Amino acid sequence: MSKETTQELLERAERYGFEVFYDSGFVVVRRPETCDPERTRNMVEELGARIGDVRRLVLLRAVAARAKDFVGQEVWAEEMGIGRLTDSDNTGNLAVKPRENQNGFHSSSHYSYSAEHLLVLTDGCKASTSLEPQPPLREPRKTLFSRWS
């Protein structure tokens, strides 16, 4: 009997109707609406026994899914600088094409990065030109220690 990998465990959980995903720092296990309580308990225990590997895999899935929204965007990548995100795969690998150099040379090379080594560059509102501090949006909340300051 071969030992089941964490990927195979996740696939088995999905076949049983469980959804395992990453949400804002949490690993979420959505149980099926109708499931044998014994199977639910066993599956949760198996996932919990491998929480580190489960977390890594569902995080990579989440990064890969979100990266699809950024394909075509400029990025800054370690050891390369500015480039363009051209693709992502289901394991969290991101393909980046370098920006053309000063001589106008276009590189056909693509480099692989993980999200930890990229900054996605998007356009937004213009930064304030004033160096003066902006007033707070609301009055700061009184805290226990504010009485003594």
C-alpha atoms as a PDB file:
ATOM      1  CA  MET A   1       0.000   0.000   0.000  1.00  0.00           C
ATOM      2  CA  SER A   2       1.490   3.354  -1.015  1.00  0.00           C
ATOM      3  CA  LYS A   3       1.414   6.350   1.280  1.00  0.00           C
ATOM      4  CA  GLU A   4      -1.117   8.982   0.210  1.00  0.00           C
ATOM      5  CA  THR A   5       0.373  12.391  -0.626  1.00  0.00           C
ATOM      6  CA  THR A   6      -1.169  15.579   0.709  1.00  0.00           C
ATOM      7  CA  GLN A   7      -2.331  16.413  -2.823  1.00  0.00           C
ATOM      8  CA  GLU A   8      -4.089  13.039  -3.017  1.00  0.00           C
ATOM      9  CA  LEU A   9      -5.646  13.663   0.414  1.00  0.00           C
ATOM     10  CA  LEU A  10      -7.051  16.992  -0.811  1.00  0.00           C
ATOM     11  CA  GLU A  11      -8.393  15.318  -3.955  1.00  0.00           C
ATOM     12  CA  ARG A  12     -10.063  12.619  -1.852  1.00  0.00           C
ATOM     13  CA  ALA A  13     -11.599  15.270   0.407  1.00  0.00           C
ATOM     14  CA  GLU A  14     -12.989  17.026  -2.668  1.00  0.00           C
ATOM     15  CA  ARG A  15     -14.429  13.747  -4.002  1.00  0.00           C
ATOM     16  CA  TYR A  16     -16.256  13.386  -0.671  1.00  0.00           C
ATOM     17  CA  GLY A  17     -17.706  16.880  -1.113  1.00  0.00           C
ATOM     18  CA  PHE A  18     -15.387  18.872   1.168  1.00  0.00           C
ATOM     19  CA  GLU A  19     -14.027  22.206  -0.044  1.00  0.00           C
ATOM     20  CA  VAL A  20     -10.588  23.094   1.308  1.00  0.00           C
ATOM     21  CA  PHE A  21      -9.351  26.579   0.488  1.00  0.00           C
ATOM     22  CA  TYR A  22      -7.271  29.513   1.685  1.00  0.00           C
ATOM     23  CA  ASP A  23      -9.037  32.682   2.816  1.00  0.00           C
ATOM     24  CA  SER A  24      -7.176  35.693   4.216  1.00  0.00           C
ATOM     25  CA  GLY A  25      -4.652  33.678   6.185  1.00  0.00           C
ATOM     26  CA  PHE A  26      -6.981  30.850   7.168  1.00  0.00           C
ATOM     27  CA  VAL A  27      -7.368  27.328   5.829  1.00  0.00           C
ATOM     28  CA  VAL A  28     -11.119  26.820   5.518  1.00  0.00           C
ATOM     29  CA  VAL A  29     -12.732  23.383   5.313  1.00  0.00           C
ATOM     30  CA  ARG A  30     -16.313  23.628   4.121  1.00  0.00           C
ATOM     31  CA  ARG A  31     -18.061  20.410   5.065  1.00  0.00           C
ATOM     32  CA  PRO A  32     -20.639  18.908   2.723  1.00  0.00           C
ATOM     33  CA  GLU A  33     -24.268  19.518   3.667  1.00  0.00           C
ATOM     34  CA  THR A  34     -24.941  15.805   3.919  1.00  0.00           C
ATOM     35  CA  CYS A  35     -22.104  13.674   5.120  1.00  0.00           C
ATOM     36  CA  ASP A  36     -21.654  10.834   7.538  1.00  0.00           C
ATOM     37  CA  PRO A  37     -20.445  12.326  10.866  1.00  0.00           C
ATOM     38  CA  GLU A  38     -17.790   9.599  11.154  1.00  0.00           C
ATOM     39  CA  ARG A  39     -16.408  10.412   7.689  1.00  0.00           C
ATOM     40  CA  THR A  40     -16.424  14.111   8.520  1.00  0.00           C
ATOM     41  CA  ARG A  41     -14.514  13.551  11.750  1.00  0.00           C
ATOM     42  CA  ASN A  42     -11.967  11.270  10.063  1.00  0.00           C
ATOM     43  CA  MET A  43     -11.412  13.671   7.150  1.00  0.00           C
ATOM     44  CA  VAL A  44     -10.946  16.671   9.438  1.00  0.00           C
ATOM     45  CA  GLU A  45      -8.472  14.695  11.559  1.00  0.00           C
ATOM     46  CA  GLU A  46      -6.507  13.612   8.471  1.00  0.00           C
ATOM     47  CA  LEU A  47      -6.374  17.178   7.147  1.00  0.00           C
ATOM     48  CA  GLY A  48      -5.410  18.467  10.595  1.00  0.00           C
ATOM     49  CA  ALA A  49      -2.591  15.940  10.911  1.00  0.00           C
ATOM     50  CA  ARG A  50      -1.039  17.505   7.778  1.00  0.00           C
ATOM     51  CA  ILE A  51      -2.036  21.106   8.388  1.00  0.00           C
ATOM     52  CA  GLY A  52       1.352  22.522   7.333  1.00  0.00           C
ATOM     53  CA  ASP A  53       1.325  20.772   3.962  1.00  0.00           C
ATOM     54  CA  VAL A  54      -2.411  21.397   3.456  1.00  0.00           C
ATOM     55  CA  ARG A  55      -1.879  25.100   4.158  1.00  0.00           C
ATOM     56  CA  ARG A  56       1.003  25.318   1.694  1.00  0.00           C
ATOM     57  CA  LEU A  57      -0.990  23.624  -1.077  1.00  0.00           C
ATOM     58  CA  VAL A  58      -4.196  25.632  -0.645  1.00  0.00           C
ATOM     59  CA  LEU A  59      -2.158  28.842  -0.443  1.00  0.00           C
ATOM     60  CA  LEU A  60      -0.444  27.983  -3.730  1.00  0.00           C
ATOM     61  CA  ARG A  61      -3.854  27.288  -5.291  1.00  0.00           C
ATOM     62  CA  ALA A  62      -5.146  30.654  -4.087  1.00  0.00           C
ATOM     63  CA  VAL A  63      -2.076  32.472  -5.426  1.00  0.00           C
ATOM     64  CA  ALA A  64      -2.414  30.719  -8.796  1.00  0.00           C
ATOM     65  CA  ALA A  65      -6.103  31.615  -9.052  1.00  0.00           C
ATOM     66  CA  ARG A  66      -5.506  35.261  -8.124  1.00  0.00           C
ATOM     67  CA  ALA A  67      -2.466  35.524 -10.411  1.00  0.00           C
ATOM     68  CA  LYS A  68      -4.727  34.907 -13.419  1.00  0.00           C
ATOM     69  CA  ASP A  69      -6.246  38.355 -12.698  1.00  0.00           C
ATOM     70  CA  PHE A  70      -2.796  39.963 -12.913  1.00  0.00           C
ATOM     71  CA  VAL A  71      -1.590  38.378 -16.165  1.00  0.00           C
ATOM     72  CA  GLY A  72      -0.435  41.226 -18.405  1.00  0.00           C
ATOM     73  CA  GLN A  73       0.394  43.551 -15.480  1.00  0.00           C
ATOM     74  CA  GLU A  74       3.810  45.000 -14.899  1.00  0.00           C
ATOM     75  CA  VAL A  75       5.647  43.470 -11.970  1.00  0.00           C
ATOM     76  CA  TRP A  76       8.900  44.030 -10.148  1.00  0.00           C
ATOM     77  CA  ALA A  77      10.814  40.792  -9.638  1.00  0.00           C
ATOM     78  CA  GLU A  78      13.880  40.095  -7.519  1.00  0.00           C
ATOM     79  CA  GLU A  79      17.086  39.969  -9.559  1.00  0.00           C
ATOM     80  CA  MET A  80      15.298  41.220 -12.698  1.00  0.00           C
ATOM     81  CA  GLY A  81      13.516  44.457 -11.882  1.00  0.00           C
ATOM     82  CA  ILE A  82      10.520  45.486 -13.994  1.00  0.00           C
ATOM     83  CA  GLY A  83       8.868  42.890 -16.187  1.00  0.00           C
ATOM     84  CA  ARG A  84       5.427  41.653 -17.165  1.00  0.00           C
ATOM     85  CA  LEU A  85       3.496  38.753 -15.652  1.00  0.00           C
ATOM     86  CA  THR A  86       2.665  36.462 -18.563  1.00  0.00           C
ATOM     87  CA  ASP A  87       1.298  33.270 -17.001  1.00  0.00           C
ATOM     88  CA  SER A  88       0.747  31.243 -13.859  1.00  0.00           C
ATOM     89  CA  ASP A  89       0.216  27.576 -13.153  1.00  0.00           C
ATOM     90  CA  ASN A  90      -1.709  25.674 -10.486  1.00  0.00           C
ATOM     91  CA  THR A  91       1.391  25.233  -8.331  1.00  0.00           C
ATOM     92  CA  GLY A  92       1.941  28.967  -7.810  1.00  0.00           C
ATOM     93  CA  ASN A  93       4.767  29.382 -10.352  1.00  0.00           C
ATOM     94  CA  LEU A  94       4.506  32.728 -12.117  1.00  0.00           C
ATOM     95  CA  ALA A  95       6.064  33.407 -15.515  1.00  0.00           C
ATOM     96  CA  VAL A  96       7.615  36.855 -15.921  1.00  0.00           C
ATOM     97  CA  LYS A  97       9.025  38.344 -19.118  1.00  0.00           C
ATOM     98  CA  PRO A  98      11.694  41.035 -18.600  1.00  0.00           C
ATOM     99  CA  ARG A  99      11.115  44.565 -19.844  1.00  0.00           C
ATOM    100  CA  GLU A 100      13.004  45.503 -22.990  1.00  0.00           C
ATOM    101  CA  ASN A 101      16.432  46.918 -22.293  1.00  0.00           C
ATOM    102  CA  GLN A 102      17.648  50.464 -23.090  1.00  0.00           C
ATOM    103  CA  ASN A 103      18.756  49.408 -26.608  1.00  0.00           C
ATOM    104  CA  GLY A 104      15.204  48.347 -27.481  1.00  0.00           C
ATOM    105  CA  PHE A 105      16.131  44.663 -27.422  1.00  0.00           C
ATOM    106  CA  HIS A 106      13.153  42.440 -26.643  1.00  0.00           C
ATOM    107  CA  SER A 107      13.949  39.296 -24.728  1.00  0.00           C
ATOM    108  CA  SER A 108      11.934  36.189 -25.496  1.00  0.00           C
ATOM    109  CA  SER A 109      12.997  34.675 -22.179  1.00  0.00           C
ATOM    110  CA  HIS A 110      10.549  34.069 -19.378  1.00  0.00           C
ATOM    111  CA  TYR A 111      11.589  33.569 -15.785  1.00  0.00           C
ATOM    112  CA  SER A 112       9.729  31.675 -13.095  1.00  0.00           C
ATOM    113  CA  TYR A 113       8.994  33.285  -9.726  1.00  0.00           C
ATOM    114  CA  SER A 114       6.820  32.659  -6.713  1.00  0.00           C
ATOM    115  CA  ALA A 115       4.534  35.400  -5.422  1.00  0.00           C
ATOM    116  CA  GLU A 116       6.846  36.076  -2.465  1.00  0.00           C
ATOM    117  CA  HIS A 117       9.411  37.517  -4.861  1.00  0.00           C
ATOM    118  CA  LEU A 118       7.136  39.829  -6.888  1.00  0.00           C
ATOM    119  CA  LEU A 119       5.485  43.204  -6.545  1.00  0.00           C
ATOM    120  CA  VAL A 120       2.447  43.628  -8.818  1.00  0.00           C
ATOM    121  CA  LEU A 121       2.371  47.200 -10.151  1.00  0.00           C
ATOM    122  CA  THR A 122      -1.058  48.710 -10.753  1.00  0.00           C
ATOM    123  CA  ASP A 123      -2.226  52.249 -11.359  1.00  0.00           C
ATOM    124  CA  GLY A 124      -4.334  53.983  -8.749  1.00  0.00           C
ATOM    125  CA  CYS A 125      -5.093  57.379  -7.400  1.00  0.00           C
ATOM    126  CA  LYS A 126      -2.330  59.954  -7.489  1.00  0.00           C
ATOM    127  CA  ALA A 127      -0.336  60.476  -4.329  1.00  0.00           C
ATOM    128  CA  SER A 128      -0.890  63.688  -2.428  1.00  0.00           C
ATOM    129  CA  THR A 129       1.670  66.351  -3.330  1.00  0.00           C
ATOM    130  CA  SER A 130       1.378  67.925   0.105  1.00  0.00           C
ATOM    131  CA  LEU A 131       3.986  66.947   2.664  1.00  0.00           C
ATOM    132  CA  GLU A 132       1.697  68.023   5.500  1.00  0.00           C
ATOM    133  CA  PRO A 133       0.063  65.217   7.459  1.00  0.00           C
ATOM    134  CA  GLN A 134      -3.506  64.539   6.470  1.00  0.00           C
ATOM    135  CA  PRO A 135      -6.200  64.874   9.149  1.00  0.00           C
ATOM    136  CA  PRO A 136      -7.540  61.580  10.498  1.00  0.00           C
ATOM    137  CA  LEU A 137     -10.774  60.315   8.986  1.00  0.00           C
ATOM    138  CA  ARG A 138     -12.293  60.034  12.445  1.00  0.00           C
ATOM    139  CA  GLU A 139     -11.445  60.965  15.995  1.00  0.00           C
ATOM    140  CA  PRO A 140      -8.995  58.448  17.532  1.00  0.00           C
ATOM    141  CA  ARG A 141     -10.642  56.068  19.961  1.00  0.00           C
ATOM    142  CA  LYS A 142      -9.904  56.610  23.642  1.00  0.00           C
ATOM    143  CA  THR A 143      -7.922  53.735  25.108  1.00  0.00           C
ATOM    144  CA  LEU A 144      -7.055  52.705  28.613  1.00  0.00           C
ATOM    145  CA  PHE A 145      -3.619  54.302  28.353  1.00  0.00           C
ATOM    146  CA  SER A 146      -4.808  57.598  26.814  1.00  0.00           C
ATOM    147  CA  ARG A 147      -5.841  58.836  30.269  1.00  0.00           C
ATOM    148  CA  TRP A 148      -2.167  59.036  31.273  1.00  0.00           C
ATOM    149  CA  SER A 149      -0.832  60.702  28.158  1.00  0.00           C
END
